[in-house]
């Protein structure tokens, strides 16, 4: 009887967790991932005008995100505000260097340096986006669902220990 109840609880929690995860990802994480992918697109180009356009798209996608989702130990690396400031600096540098010809050494060196900077920004966005999952402010339902999962796991472990004893 208890085994059936646990199986039903497991299936219900699995369904609720799946639906909640999908809804949370599609409404909170996905838009931030779009911003991250615009940064990826900027890294992949050798044209500073295109790089600037892609980064402006990234800034637009990241506009609703503020503060630091890193919880409980936030670092500057995962601050959306700091990431957006860094992206704005790269856009300014793109615009400064566009007066050079694309074949000049200075232009190619600028592209190389900006790609290095964007690679770090991309990593910071990945960290910030992962932190969104664990932040109770952004994902309170996920934390509420964790409680029943923990109780269910503890009950299963207790039953397993009794069975083995």
C-alpha atoms as a PDB file:
ATOM      1  CA  UNK A   1       0.000   0.000   0.000  1.00  0.00           C
ATOM      2  CA  UNK A   2       2.756   2.426   0.985  1.00  0.00           C
ATOM      3  CA  UNK A   3       4.702   1.469  -2.144  1.00  0.00           C
ATOM      4  CA  UNK A   4       1.760   2.419  -4.372  1.00  0.00           C
ATOM      5  CA  UNK A   5       1.323   5.708  -2.541  1.00  0.00           C
ATOM      6  CA  UNK A   6       5.021   6.483  -3.016  1.00  0.00           C
ATOM      7  CA  UNK A   7       4.812   5.580  -6.699  1.00  0.00           C
ATOM      8  CA  UNK A   8       1.800   7.884  -7.156  1.00  0.00           C
ATOM      9  CA  UNK A   9       3.570  10.677  -5.240  1.00  0.00           C
ATOM     10  CA  UNK A  10       6.647  10.162  -7.422  1.00  0.00           C
ATOM     11  CA  UNK A  11       4.659  10.385 -10.666  1.00  0.00           C
ATOM     12  CA  UNK A  12       2.757  13.486  -9.489  1.00  0.00           C
ATOM     13  CA  UNK A  13       5.949  15.246  -8.370  1.00  0.00           C
ATOM     14  CA  UNK A  14       7.670  14.293 -11.610  1.00  0.00           C
ATOM     15  CA  UNK A  15       4.806  15.756 -13.671  1.00  0.00           C
ATOM     16  CA  UNK A  16       4.608  18.953 -11.612  1.00  0.00           C
ATOM     17  CA  UNK A  17       8.394  19.376 -11.718  1.00  0.00           C
ATOM     18  CA  UNK A  18       8.456  18.876 -15.483  1.00  0.00           C
ATOM     19  CA  UNK A  19       5.690  21.388 -16.132  1.00  0.00           C
ATOM     20  CA  UNK A  20       7.188  23.899 -13.702  1.00  0.00           C
ATOM     21  CA  UNK A  21      10.661  23.499 -15.219  1.00  0.00           C
ATOM     22  CA  UNK A  22       9.335  23.992 -18.743  1.00  0.00           C
ATOM     23  CA  UNK A  23       7.315  27.076 -17.784  1.00  0.00           C
ATOM     24  CA  UNK A  24      10.183  28.589 -15.803  1.00  0.00           C
ATOM     25  CA  UNK A  25      12.701  27.973 -18.585  1.00  0.00           C
ATOM     26  CA  UNK A  26      10.451  29.342 -21.323  1.00  0.00           C
ATOM     27  CA  UNK A  27       9.535  32.519 -19.437  1.00  0.00           C
ATOM     28  CA  UNK A  28      12.663  33.342 -17.414  1.00  0.00           C
ATOM     29  CA  UNK A  29      15.716  31.454 -18.643  1.00  0.00           C
ATOM     30  CA  UNK A  30      14.999  31.331 -22.389  1.00  0.00           C
ATOM     31  CA  UNK A  31      15.044  35.126 -22.921  1.00  0.00           C
ATOM     32  CA  UNK A  32      18.377  35.307 -21.072  1.00  0.00           C
ATOM     33  CA  UNK A  33      19.682  32.441 -23.230  1.00  0.00           C
ATOM     34  CA  UNK A  34      18.724  34.433 -26.324  1.00  0.00           C
ATOM     35  CA  UNK A  35      20.922  37.275 -25.062  1.00  0.00           C
ATOM     36  CA  UNK A  36      23.754  34.808 -24.479  1.00  0.00           C
ATOM     37  CA  UNK A  37      23.384  33.438 -27.998  1.00  0.00           C
ATOM     38  CA  UNK A  38      23.574  36.945 -29.502  1.00  0.00           C
ATOM     39  CA  UNK A  39      26.915  37.253 -27.724  1.00  0.00           C
ATOM     40  CA  UNK A  40      27.915  33.911 -29.284  1.00  0.00           C
ATOM     41  CA  UNK A  41      26.986  35.292 -32.682  1.00  0.00           C
ATOM     42  CA  UNK A  42      29.127  38.393 -32.017  1.00  0.00           C
ATOM     43  CA  UNK A  43      32.081  36.176 -31.099  1.00  0.00           C
ATOM     44  CA  UNK A  44      31.725  34.307 -34.399  1.00  0.00           C
ATOM     45  CA  UNK A  45      32.030  37.345 -36.661  1.00  0.00           C
ATOM     46  CA  UNK A  46      35.101  39.217 -37.904  1.00  0.00           C
ATOM     47  CA  UNK A  47      33.126  42.326 -38.842  1.00  0.00           C
ATOM     48  CA  UNK A  48      32.925  44.968 -36.121  1.00  0.00           C
ATOM     49  CA  UNK A  49      29.683  46.445 -37.496  1.00  0.00           C
ATOM     50  CA  UNK A  50      28.009  43.037 -37.339  1.00  0.00           C
ATOM     51  CA  UNK A  51      29.507  42.464 -33.896  1.00  0.00           C
ATOM     52  CA  UNK A  52      28.002  45.743 -32.732  1.00  0.00           C
ATOM     53  CA  UNK A  53      24.565  44.847 -34.144  1.00  0.00           C
ATOM     54  CA  UNK A  54      24.583  41.440 -32.458  1.00  0.00           C
ATOM     55  CA  UNK A  55      25.592  42.967 -29.133  1.00  0.00           C
ATOM     56  CA  UNK A  56      22.816  45.549 -29.351  1.00  0.00           C
ATOM     57  CA  UNK A  57      20.401  42.630 -29.853  1.00  0.00           C
ATOM     58  CA  UNK A  58      21.939  40.951 -26.790  1.00  0.00           C
ATOM     59  CA  UNK A  59      21.399  44.102 -24.731  1.00  0.00           C
ATOM     60  CA  UNK A  60      17.765  44.225 -25.823  1.00  0.00           C
ATOM     61  CA  UNK A  61      17.252  40.576 -24.838  1.00  0.00           C
ATOM     62  CA  UNK A  62      18.906  41.162 -21.454  1.00  0.00           C
ATOM     63  CA  UNK A  63      17.033  44.402 -20.730  1.00  0.00           C
ATOM     64  CA  UNK A  64      14.540  42.876 -18.245  1.00  0.00           C
ATOM     65  CA  UNK A  65      17.323  41.304 -16.163  1.00  0.00           C
ATOM     66  CA  UNK A  66      18.815  43.311 -13.303  1.00  0.00           C
ATOM     67  CA  UNK A  67      20.839  42.545 -10.239  1.00  0.00           C
ATOM     68  CA  UNK A  68      22.702  39.406  -9.422  1.00  0.00           C
ATOM     69  CA  UNK A  69      20.937  36.039  -9.458  1.00  0.00           C
ATOM     70  CA  UNK A  70      23.923  34.417  -7.749  1.00  0.00           C
ATOM     71  CA  UNK A  71      22.542  33.085  -4.508  1.00  0.00           C
ATOM     72  CA  UNK A  72      23.546  32.883  -1.718  1.00  0.00           C
ATOM     73  CA  UNK A  73      27.067  34.029  -2.659  1.00  0.00           C
ATOM     74  CA  UNK A  74      26.817  36.517  -5.547  1.00  0.00           C
ATOM     75  CA  UNK A  75      29.955  37.518  -7.404  1.00  0.00           C
ATOM     76  CA  UNK A  76      30.440  40.387  -9.880  1.00  0.00           C
ATOM     77  CA  UNK A  77      30.810  37.790 -12.658  1.00  0.00           C
ATOM     78  CA  UNK A  78      27.116  36.896 -12.490  1.00  0.00           C
ATOM     79  CA  UNK A  79      25.671  40.408 -12.175  1.00  0.00           C
ATOM     80  CA  UNK A  80      23.409  41.184 -15.120  1.00  0.00           C
ATOM     81  CA  UNK A  81      23.979  44.903 -14.622  1.00  0.00           C
ATOM     82  CA  UNK A  82      27.757  44.467 -14.808  1.00  0.00           C
ATOM     83  CA  UNK A  83      27.447  42.152 -17.824  1.00  0.00           C
ATOM     84  CA  UNK A  84      25.347  44.740 -19.664  1.00  0.00           C
ATOM     85  CA  UNK A  85      27.896  47.475 -18.856  1.00  0.00           C
ATOM     86  CA  UNK A  86      30.647  45.250 -20.272  1.00  0.00           C
ATOM     87  CA  UNK A  87      28.632  44.624 -23.441  1.00  0.00           C
ATOM     88  CA  UNK A  88      28.038  48.378 -23.841  1.00  0.00           C
ATOM     89  CA  UNK A  89      31.797  48.969 -23.554  1.00  0.00           C
ATOM     90  CA  UNK A  90      32.445  46.433 -26.315  1.00  0.00           C
ATOM     91  CA  UNK A  91      29.807  48.115 -28.528  1.00  0.00           C
ATOM     92  CA  UNK A  92      31.579  51.461 -28.024  1.00  0.00           C
ATOM     93  CA  UNK A  93      34.916  49.878 -28.925  1.00  0.00           C
ATOM     94  CA  UNK A  94      33.390  48.318 -32.040  1.00  0.00           C
ATOM     95  CA  UNK A  95      32.201  51.728 -33.147  1.00  0.00           C
ATOM     96  CA  UNK A  96      35.596  53.320 -32.435  1.00  0.00           C
ATOM     97  CA  UNK A  97      37.500  50.756 -34.522  1.00  0.00           C
ATOM     98  CA  UNK A  98      35.133  50.652 -37.511  1.00  0.00           C
ATOM     99  CA  UNK A  99      36.970  53.588 -39.099  1.00  0.00           C
ATOM    100  CA  UNK A 100      39.892  51.236 -39.831  1.00  0.00           C
ATOM    101  CA  UNK A 101      39.864  49.062 -42.919  1.00  0.00           C
ATOM    102  CA  UNK A 102      38.983  45.409 -42.348  1.00  0.00           C
ATOM    103  CA  UNK A 103      42.324  44.226 -43.676  1.00  0.00           C
ATOM    104  CA  UNK A 104      44.488  46.433 -41.462  1.00  0.00           C
ATOM    105  CA  UNK A 105      46.458  44.942 -38.611  1.00  0.00           C
ATOM    106  CA  UNK A 106      44.892  47.374 -36.111  1.00  0.00           C
ATOM    107  CA  UNK A 107      41.375  46.321 -37.152  1.00  0.00           C
ATOM    108  CA  UNK A 108      42.182  42.613 -36.902  1.00  0.00           C
ATOM    109  CA  UNK A 109      43.874  43.152 -33.525  1.00  0.00           C
ATOM    110  CA  UNK A 110      40.765  45.018 -32.295  1.00  0.00           C
ATOM    111  CA  UNK A 111      38.550  42.134 -33.443  1.00  0.00           C
ATOM    112  CA  UNK A 112      40.815  39.651 -31.667  1.00  0.00           C
ATOM    113  CA  UNK A 113      40.832  41.653 -28.418  1.00  0.00           C
ATOM    114  CA  UNK A 114      37.059  42.164 -28.477  1.00  0.00           C
ATOM    115  CA  UNK A 115      36.454  38.471 -29.148  1.00  0.00           C
ATOM    116  CA  UNK A 116      38.580  37.651 -26.092  1.00  0.00           C
ATOM    117  CA  UNK A 117      36.491  40.045 -24.009  1.00  0.00           C
ATOM    118  CA  UNK A 118      33.232  38.665 -25.406  1.00  0.00           C
ATOM    119  CA  UNK A 119      34.327  35.118 -24.607  1.00  0.00           C
ATOM    120  CA  UNK A 120      34.593  36.111 -20.948  1.00  0.00           C
ATOM    121  CA  UNK A 121      31.240  37.910 -21.086  1.00  0.00           C
ATOM    122  CA  UNK A 122      29.710  34.760 -22.581  1.00  0.00           C
ATOM    123  CA  UNK A 123      31.027  32.700 -19.655  1.00  0.00           C
ATOM    124  CA  UNK A 124      29.615  35.240 -17.194  1.00  0.00           C
ATOM    125  CA  UNK A 125      26.221  35.035 -18.893  1.00  0.00           C
ATOM    126  CA  UNK A 126      26.292  31.246 -18.630  1.00  0.00           C
ATOM    127  CA  UNK A 127      27.003  31.539 -14.898  1.00  0.00           C
ATOM    128  CA  UNK A 128      24.251  34.128 -14.387  1.00  0.00           C
ATOM    129  CA  UNK A 129      21.718  32.057 -16.340  1.00  0.00           C
ATOM    130  CA  UNK A 130      22.548  28.937 -14.310  1.00  0.00           C
ATOM    131  CA  UNK A 131      22.192  30.946 -11.101  1.00  0.00           C
ATOM    132  CA  UNK A 132      18.635  31.877 -12.096  1.00  0.00           C
ATOM    133  CA  UNK A 133      17.579  28.255 -11.538  1.00  0.00           C
ATOM    134  CA  UNK A 134      18.747  28.228  -7.926  1.00  0.00           C
ATOM    135  CA  UNK A 135      17.591  31.707  -6.923  1.00  0.00           C
ATOM    136  CA  UNK A 136      14.439  31.598  -4.773  1.00  0.00           C
ATOM    137  CA  UNK A 137      13.500  35.121  -5.911  1.00  0.00           C
ATOM    138  CA  UNK A 138      13.406  34.099  -9.576  1.00  0.00           C
ATOM    139  CA  UNK A 139      12.262  30.496  -9.077  1.00  0.00           C
ATOM    140  CA  UNK A 140      10.148  30.250  -5.892  1.00  0.00           C
ATOM    141  CA  UNK A 141       8.008  27.381  -7.198  1.00  0.00           C
ATOM    142  CA  UNK A 142      11.144  25.334  -7.819  1.00  0.00           C
ATOM    143  CA  UNK A 143      12.069  25.722  -4.160  1.00  0.00           C
ATOM    144  CA  UNK A 144       8.535  24.811  -3.059  1.00  0.00           C
ATOM    145  CA  UNK A 145       8.679  21.636  -5.183  1.00  0.00           C
ATOM    146  CA  UNK A 146      12.084  20.705  -3.707  1.00  0.00           C
ATOM    147  CA  UNK A 147      10.542  20.128  -0.258  1.00  0.00           C
ATOM    148  CA  UNK A 148       8.249  17.258  -1.273  1.00  0.00           C
ATOM    149  CA  UNK A 149      11.068  15.714  -3.348  1.00  0.00           C
ATOM    150  CA  UNK A 150      13.349  15.695  -0.310  1.00  0.00           C
ATOM    151  CA  UNK A 151      10.628  14.141   1.882  1.00  0.00           C
ATOM    152  CA  UNK A 152       9.905  11.489  -0.756  1.00  0.00           C
ATOM    153  CA  UNK A 153      13.595  10.606  -1.087  1.00  0.00           C
ATOM    154  CA  UNK A 154      14.026  10.363   2.688  1.00  0.00           C
ATOM    155  CA  UNK A 155      10.986   8.064   2.971  1.00  0.00           C
ATOM    156  CA  UNK A 156      12.325   5.855   0.177  1.00  0.00           C
ATOM    157  CA  UNK A 157      15.729   5.667   1.886  1.00  0.00           C
ATOM    158  CA  UNK A 158      14.118   4.742   5.208  1.00  0.00           C
ATOM    159  CA  UNK A 159      12.069   2.005   3.515  1.00  0.00           C
ATOM    160  CA  UNK A 160      15.171   0.729   1.719  1.00  0.00           C
ATOM    161  CA  UNK A 161      17.151   0.585   4.963  1.00  0.00           C
ATOM    162  CA  UNK A 162      14.287  -1.296   6.682  1.00  0.00           C
ATOM    163  CA  UNK A 163      14.068  -3.696   3.758  1.00  0.00           C
ATOM    164  CA  UNK A 164      17.820  -4.433   3.891  1.00  0.00           C
ATOM    165  CA  UNK A 165      17.866  -4.829   7.690  1.00  0.00           C
END
